[in-house]
Protein backbone atom coordinates (compact mmCIF):
# COMPACT_ATOMS: atom_id res chain seq x y z
CA UNK A 1 24.49 -67.43 25.17
CA UNK A 2 20.74 -67.48 24.49
CA UNK A 3 21.15 -65.66 21.16
CA UNK A 4 23.32 -68.51 19.86
CA UNK A 5 20.92 -71.23 20.97
CA UNK A 6 18.13 -72.72 18.82
CA UNK A 7 14.40 -72.21 18.78
CA UNK A 8 13.03 -75.54 20.06
CA UNK A 9 9.59 -76.77 19.00
CA UNK A 10 7.65 -79.79 20.25
CA UNK A 11 5.87 -81.76 17.50
CA UNK A 12 3.42 -84.65 17.95
CA UNK A 13 1.86 -84.87 14.49
CA UNK A 14 -1.29 -82.88 15.29
CA UNK A 15 -2.47 -79.94 13.19
CA UNK A 16 -1.70 -77.60 16.08
CA UNK A 17 1.87 -78.82 16.38
CA UNK A 18 2.33 -78.40 12.62
CA UNK A 19 1.16 -74.79 13.04
CA UNK A 20 3.61 -74.43 15.93
CA UNK A 21 6.43 -75.78 13.77
CA UNK A 22 5.64 -73.36 10.94
CA UNK A 23 5.53 -70.48 13.43
CA UNK A 24 8.81 -71.59 15.02
CA UNK A 25 10.57 -71.69 11.64
CA UNK A 26 9.38 -68.17 10.85
CA UNK A 27 10.45 -66.94 14.27
CA UNK A 28 13.86 -68.57 13.93
CA UNK A 29 14.38 -66.82 10.59
CA UNK A 30 13.58 -63.47 12.26
CA UNK A 31 16.10 -64.24 15.00
CA UNK A 32 18.77 -65.74 12.75
CA UNK A 33 18.58 -68.92 14.82
CA UNK A 34 18.45 -72.64 14.09
CA UNK A 35 15.35 -74.78 14.73
CA UNK A 36 15.47 -77.89 16.88
CA UNK A 37 12.42 -80.17 16.48
CA UNK A 38 11.62 -82.41 19.45
CA UNK A 39 9.45 -85.27 18.18
CA UNK A 40 6.96 -86.42 20.83
CA UNK A 41 6.45 -90.19 20.38
CA UNK A 42 4.52 -90.16 17.11
CA UNK A 43 5.49 -91.61 13.72
CA UNK A 44 3.54 -88.90 11.88
CA UNK A 45 5.52 -86.27 13.73
CA UNK A 46 8.74 -87.82 12.46
CA UNK A 47 7.60 -87.51 8.85
CA UNK A 48 6.63 -83.88 9.47
CA UNK A 49 10.07 -83.18 10.87
CA UNK A 50 11.70 -84.85 7.87
CA UNK A 51 9.58 -82.77 5.49
CA UNK A 52 10.62 -79.51 7.11
CA UNK A 53 14.27 -80.52 7.18
CA UNK A 54 14.19 -81.28 3.45
CA UNK A 55 12.59 -77.92 2.60
CA UNK A 56 14.82 -75.15 1.33
CA UNK A 57 14.62 -72.89 4.38
CA UNK A 58 16.70 -69.89 5.37
CA UNK A 59 17.50 -71.51 8.70
CA UNK A 60 19.03 -74.79 9.84
CA UNK A 61 16.53 -77.42 11.00
CA UNK A 62 17.41 -80.52 13.02
CA UNK A 63 15.34 -83.05 14.96
CA UNK A 64 15.51 -85.46 17.87
CA UNK A 65 13.15 -88.06 19.34
CA UNK A 66 11.96 -87.47 22.91
CA UNK A 67 12.33 -90.83 24.63
CA UNK A 68 11.19 -89.86 28.12
CA UNK A 69 8.16 -88.08 29.51
CA UNK A 70 7.18 -85.28 27.09
CA UNK A 71 7.11 -82.50 29.69
CA UNK A 72 10.42 -83.56 31.22
CA UNK A 73 12.10 -83.77 27.82
CA UNK A 74 10.80 -80.38 26.69
CA UNK A 75 11.86 -78.70 29.94
CA UNK A 76 15.29 -80.29 29.57
CA UNK A 77 15.57 -78.96 26.01
CA UNK A 78 14.55 -75.49 27.18
CA UNK A 79 17.79 -75.23 29.15
CA UNK A 80 19.63 -74.99 25.83
CA UNK A 81 17.07 -72.94 23.89
CA UNK A 82 16.35 -69.26 23.38
CA UNK A 83 12.67 -70.03 22.84
CA UNK A 84 10.40 -73.07 23.24
CA UNK A 85 7.34 -73.34 20.95
CA UNK A 86 4.39 -75.67 21.52
CA UNK A 87 1.09 -76.29 19.77
CA UNK A 88 -2.15 -75.94 21.73
CA UNK A 89 -4.33 -79.04 22.11
CA UNK A 90 -2.24 -81.59 20.28
CA UNK A 91 -2.74 -85.34 20.40
CA UNK A 92 -2.53 -86.99 23.76
CA UNK A 93 -0.66 -84.79 26.21
CA UNK A 94 0.58 -82.15 23.78
CA UNK A 95 -0.82 -79.69 24.88
CA UNK A 96 -3.26 -79.02 27.73
CA UNK A 97 -1.87 -80.03 31.10
CA UNK A 98 1.52 -80.40 29.42
CA UNK A 99 1.54 -76.78 28.27
CA UNK A 100 0.85 -75.58 31.80
CA UNK A 101 3.67 -77.64 33.28
CA UNK A 102 6.18 -76.71 30.60
CA UNK A 103 5.31 -73.01 30.68
CA UNK A 104 5.82 -73.02 34.46
CA UNK A 105 9.13 -74.84 34.55
CA UNK A 106 10.82 -74.05 31.22
CA UNK A 107 14.14 -72.22 31.43
CA UNK A 108 13.38 -69.98 28.45
CA UNK A 109 10.31 -68.10 27.16
CA UNK A 110 7.51 -70.38 25.93
CA UNK A 111 5.18 -69.63 23.01
CA UNK A 112 1.94 -71.58 22.61
CA UNK A 113 0.50 -71.57 19.08
CA UNK A 114 -3.15 -72.45 18.55
CA UNK A 115 -3.49 -71.96 14.79
CA UNK A 116 -1.53 -70.69 11.82
CA UNK A 117 -2.14 -66.97 11.35
CA UNK A 118 -0.76 -64.28 9.10
CA UNK A 119 1.91 -62.04 10.56
CA UNK A 120 -0.24 -58.92 10.60
CA UNK A 121 -1.49 -56.90 13.54
CA UNK A 122 0.32 -55.51 16.57
CA UNK A 123 2.29 -57.28 19.25
CA UNK A 124 0.23 -57.04 22.45
CA UNK A 125 1.79 -57.16 25.92
CA UNK A 126 0.10 -57.17 29.30
CA UNK A 127 1.87 -55.60 32.30
CA UNK A 128 0.88 -55.04 35.92
CA UNK A 129 3.48 -52.70 37.38
CA UNK A 130 5.64 -55.38 39.01
CA UNK A 131 9.45 -55.49 38.50
CA UNK A 132 9.13 -58.63 36.35
CA UNK A 133 7.20 -56.51 33.87
CA UNK A 134 10.48 -55.08 32.59
CA UNK A 135 11.57 -58.53 31.36
CA UNK A 136 8.17 -58.99 29.74
CA UNK A 137 8.46 -55.59 28.04
CA UNK A 138 11.94 -56.42 26.77
CA UNK A 139 10.65 -59.56 25.04
CA UNK A 140 7.69 -57.63 23.62
CA UNK A 141 9.78 -54.74 22.28
CA UNK A 142 12.23 -57.16 20.67
CA UNK A 143 9.35 -59.06 19.06
CA UNK A 144 7.72 -55.89 17.74
CA UNK A 145 11.03 -54.56 16.40
CA UNK A 146 11.81 -57.83 14.60
CA UNK A 147 8.37 -57.82 12.98
CA UNK A 148 8.31 -54.06 12.32
CA UNK A 149 4.98 -54.11 14.10
CA UNK A 150 3.20 -51.73 16.42
CA UNK A 151 3.43 -52.58 20.12
CA UNK A 152 0.22 -52.34 22.15
CA UNK A 153 0.93 -52.18 25.89
CA UNK A 154 -1.99 -52.86 28.22
CA UNK A 155 -2.45 -52.44 31.95
CA UNK A 156 -5.94 -53.38 33.10
CA UNK A 157 -7.47 -51.82 36.20
CA UNK A 158 -10.45 -52.90 38.25
CA UNK A 159 -12.91 -50.67 40.06
CA UNK A 160 -12.14 -50.04 43.75
CA UNK A 161 -14.17 -52.05 46.25
CA UNK A 162 -14.77 -55.63 47.21
CA UNK A 163 -14.30 -58.22 44.50
CA UNK A 164 -17.63 -59.23 43.00
CA UNK A 165 -19.45 -56.25 44.43
CA UNK A 166 -22.33 -54.87 42.34
CA UNK A 167 -22.04 -51.45 43.99
CA UNK A 168 -20.31 -48.96 41.70
CA UNK A 169 -17.50 -46.90 43.17
CA UNK A 170 -17.94 -43.10 43.15
CA UNK A 171 -16.83 -41.41 39.90
CA UNK A 172 -13.87 -39.74 41.62
CA UNK A 173 -12.57 -43.13 42.81
CA UNK A 174 -12.92 -44.57 39.32
CA UNK A 175 -11.07 -41.59 37.86
CA UNK A 176 -8.28 -42.01 40.42
CA UNK A 177 -7.96 -45.73 39.65
CA UNK A 178 -7.73 -45.04 35.93
CA UNK A 179 -5.20 -42.26 36.51
CA UNK A 180 -3.07 -44.54 38.67
CA UNK A 181 -3.03 -47.18 35.92
CA UNK A 182 -2.05 -44.59 33.31
CA UNK A 183 0.76 -43.22 35.51
CA UNK A 184 2.01 -46.74 36.22
CA UNK A 185 2.08 -47.55 32.51
CA UNK A 186 4.02 -44.40 31.66
CA UNK A 187 6.55 -45.21 34.38
CA UNK A 188 7.03 -48.78 33.13
CA UNK A 189 7.60 -47.58 29.57
CA UNK A 190 10.19 -44.99 30.56
CA UNK A 191 13.39 -45.56 28.57
CA UNK A 192 12.03 -48.23 26.25
CA UNK A 193 11.08 -45.86 23.46
CA UNK A 194 14.63 -44.51 23.42
CA UNK A 195 15.98 -48.06 23.06
CA UNK A 196 13.48 -48.91 20.31
CA UNK A 197 12.78 -45.62 18.50
CA UNK A 198 11.37 -47.38 15.43
CA UNK A 199 8.67 -49.23 17.40
CA UNK A 200 5.34 -47.40 17.50
CA UNK A 201 3.79 -47.80 20.95
CA UNK A 202 0.11 -47.56 21.80
CA UNK A 203 -0.96 -47.52 25.47
CA UNK A 204 -4.20 -49.10 26.71
CA UNK A 205 -5.60 -48.87 30.26
CA UNK A 206 -9.05 -50.47 30.10
CA UNK A 207 -11.22 -51.21 33.10
CA UNK A 208 -12.12 -54.86 33.59
CA UNK A 209 -10.54 -58.25 34.16
CA UNK A 210 -7.05 -58.77 32.68
CA UNK A 211 -7.87 -62.09 31.00
CA UNK A 212 -11.02 -60.78 29.32
CA UNK A 213 -9.42 -57.50 28.26
CA UNK A 214 -6.25 -59.10 26.89
CA UNK A 215 -8.17 -61.85 25.09
CA UNK A 216 -10.47 -59.35 23.42
CA UNK A 217 -7.60 -57.11 22.28
CA UNK A 218 -5.62 -60.18 21.14
CA UNK A 219 -8.20 -60.80 18.40
CA UNK A 220 -6.30 -58.23 16.34
CA UNK A 221 -2.78 -59.18 17.51
CA UNK A 222 -0.17 -61.41 15.91
CA UNK A 223 1.42 -62.19 19.29
CA UNK A 224 0.36 -61.77 22.93
CA UNK A 225 3.08 -61.53 25.60
CA UNK A 226 2.41 -62.07 29.31
CA UNK A 227 4.51 -62.73 32.38
CA UNK A 228 4.29 -65.45 34.99
CA UNK A 229 5.70 -65.23 38.50
CA UNK A 230 6.68 -68.62 39.89
CA UNK A 231 4.94 -69.54 43.10
CA UNK A 232 5.99 -71.88 45.88
CA UNK A 233 3.52 -74.01 47.75
CA UNK A 234 1.02 -76.84 47.51
CA UNK A 235 -0.25 -76.10 44.01
CA UNK A 236 2.99 -74.79 42.51
CA UNK A 237 3.41 -77.87 40.33
CA UNK A 238 -0.15 -77.66 39.00
CA UNK A 239 -1.17 -74.04 38.58
CA UNK A 240 0.00 -71.35 36.23
CA UNK A 241 -0.67 -67.74 37.18
CA UNK A 242 -4.34 -66.96 36.58
CA UNK A 243 -3.76 -64.35 33.84
CA UNK A 244 -1.22 -66.43 31.92
CA UNK A 245 -3.37 -69.54 32.24
CA UNK A 246 -6.49 -67.66 31.20
CA UNK A 247 -5.05 -66.19 28.03
CA UNK A 248 -3.37 -69.48 27.11
CA UNK A 249 -6.78 -71.12 27.09
CA UNK A 250 -8.73 -68.30 25.44
CA UNK A 251 -6.52 -66.29 23.08
CA UNK A 252 -6.41 -67.42 19.45
CA UNK A 253 -3.12 -65.74 18.58
CA UNK A 254 0.24 -67.18 19.70
CA UNK A 255 0.88 -66.49 23.40
CA UNK A 256 4.38 -65.96 24.82
CA UNK A 257 4.81 -66.67 28.55
CA UNK A 258 7.86 -65.10 30.21
CA UNK A 259 8.64 -66.75 33.54
CA UNK A 260 10.04 -64.62 36.36
CA UNK A 261 12.92 -67.08 36.89
CA UNK A 262 14.30 -66.42 33.39
CA UNK A 263 17.13 -63.90 33.12
């Protein structure tokens, strides 16, 4: 079962991967899980792994050397993990294009950590009214409950009309679009407050672009949670969903990506 599996973290010796390792250890302690360090072809990373293993931690820490392609090895490890943690912009391929590929194909939720931050602020989750949003909300509620943090739930709406149009929609159309977003958000949250009565929930339905709105709100968050629906086709191996990709590149807090294939 996922709950019995470790939190896996990729380490390449960069400052960002050290921040990812520290975050992964803290997350594992919240979950009561072990930590599995996957060392990505770097001698410095091995010494970092040894240092963490020798520290008196509340969780078990083990390590292995990734001998193959980094993305392939991390995706393989995700099959036996409850969470995969990566540092943003590490040395070489960890992260950047690697983060996109791993987040798309990993068999568990992926968290990308850009910098070490204190554990204050709300957990922020972006939803869009699709069925996959329920899996995203489950991860977000569990994260907020474990941290005893407020949960900020955001559904962004855009003004009616052609994309890129400079013509403002009539006020009544704007009001209807906002009302539709608010109704959708209430529907998606139905039942979750009963399951997590101790989690304070704040709803947000701003007008704008999802990436910009989520990134701005994430300035105050300790974790941002978004979903990603796998796509088939020519660019499936290269592209992450636009919202997930956008916040991965712009948000400064850790970003959790929940793939639609994960159950």
